[in-house]
Amino acid sequence: MRALLKQLLIFDGRNLFDPALVRSLGLEYFAIGRGRRRVSCPSLQ
């Protein structure tokens, strides 16, 4: 699949792919409707 892409970027509108697997293959991955990891930022509390 990587060889078919002009840019190493995937927008997954149906959440079909495992984000960790896609990123491990060197692709940038964006899932539509899937939550993001929350990062603690004490300065904003």
C-alpha atoms as a PDB file:
ATOM      1  CA  MET A   1       0.000   0.000   0.000  1.00  0.00           C
ATOM      2  CA  ARG A   2       2.841   2.376   0.863  1.00  0.00           C
ATOM      3  CA  ALA A   3       4.185   2.153  -2.696  1.00  0.00           C
ATOM      4  CA  LEU A   4       0.821   3.318  -4.080  1.00  0.00           C
ATOM      5  CA  LEU A   5       0.662   6.504  -2.000  1.00  0.00           C
ATOM      6  CA  LYS A   6       1.926   9.851  -3.285  1.00  0.00           C
ATOM      7  CA  GLN A   7       2.132  11.104   0.301  1.00  0.00           C
ATOM      8  CA  LEU A   8       2.708   8.891   3.328  1.00  0.00           C
ATOM      9  CA  LEU A   9      -0.559   9.987   4.902  1.00  0.00           C
ATOM     10  CA  ILE A  10      -3.827   8.167   5.649  1.00  0.00           C
ATOM     11  CA  PHE A  11      -7.176   9.661   6.699  1.00  0.00           C
ATOM     12  CA  ASP A  12      -9.196   6.751   8.092  1.00  0.00           C
ATOM     13  CA  GLY A  13     -12.846   7.836   8.042  1.00  0.00           C
ATOM     14  CA  ARG A  14     -14.140   4.418   9.097  1.00  0.00           C
ATOM     15  CA  ASN A  15     -11.476   3.555  11.674  1.00  0.00           C
ATOM     16  CA  LEU A  16     -10.525   0.424   9.756  1.00  0.00           C
ATOM     17  CA  PHE A  17      -6.826   0.487  10.545  1.00  0.00           C
ATOM     18  CA  ASP A  18      -4.916   0.003  13.791  1.00  0.00           C
ATOM     19  CA  PRO A  19      -3.225   3.376  14.443  1.00  0.00           C
ATOM     20  CA  ALA A  20      -0.128   1.844  16.051  1.00  0.00           C
ATOM     21  CA  LEU A  21       0.385  -0.545  13.146  1.00  0.00           C
ATOM     22  CA  VAL A  22      -0.036   2.159  10.499  1.00  0.00           C
ATOM     23  CA  ARG A  23       2.409   4.470  12.287  1.00  0.00           C
ATOM     24  CA  SER A  24       4.904   1.625  12.721  1.00  0.00           C
ATOM     25  CA  LEU A  25       4.931   1.328   8.922  1.00  0.00           C
ATOM     26  CA  GLY A  26       6.103   4.933   8.664  1.00  0.00           C
ATOM     27  CA  LEU A  27       2.777   6.463   7.651  1.00  0.00           C
ATOM     28  CA  GLU A  28       1.162   9.533   9.160  1.00  0.00           C
ATOM     29  CA  TYR A  29      -2.297   8.511  10.380  1.00  0.00           C
ATOM     30  CA  PHE A  30      -5.451  10.495  11.161  1.00  0.00           C
ATOM     31  CA  ALA A  31      -8.640   8.765  12.301  1.00  0.00           C
ATOM     32  CA  ILE A  32     -11.948  10.574  11.973  1.00  0.00           C
ATOM     33  CA  GLY A  33     -14.137  10.262  15.077  1.00  0.00           C
ATOM     34  CA  ARG A  34     -11.582   8.375  17.144  1.00  0.00           C
ATOM     35  CA  GLY A  35     -10.505   9.985  20.399  1.00  0.00           C
ATOM     36  CA  ARG A  36      -7.020  11.248  21.042  1.00  0.00           C
ATOM     37  CA  ARG A  37      -4.764  10.427  23.944  1.00  0.00           C
ATOM     38  CA  ARG A  38      -4.961  13.013  26.666  1.00  0.00           C
ATOM     39  CA  VAL A  39      -1.670  14.445  27.788  1.00  0.00           C
ATOM     40  CA  SER A  40      -1.297  15.874  31.260  1.00  0.00           C
ATOM     41  CA  CYS A  41      -0.289  19.517  31.240  1.00  0.00           C
ATOM     42  CA  PRO A  42       0.032  20.810  34.833  1.00  0.00           C
ATOM     43  CA  SER A  43       0.574  24.411  33.691  1.00  0.00           C
ATOM     44  CA  LEU A  44      -2.999  24.529  32.338  1.00  0.00           C
ATOM     45  CA  GLN A  45      -4.663  23.286  35.529  1.00  0.00           C
END
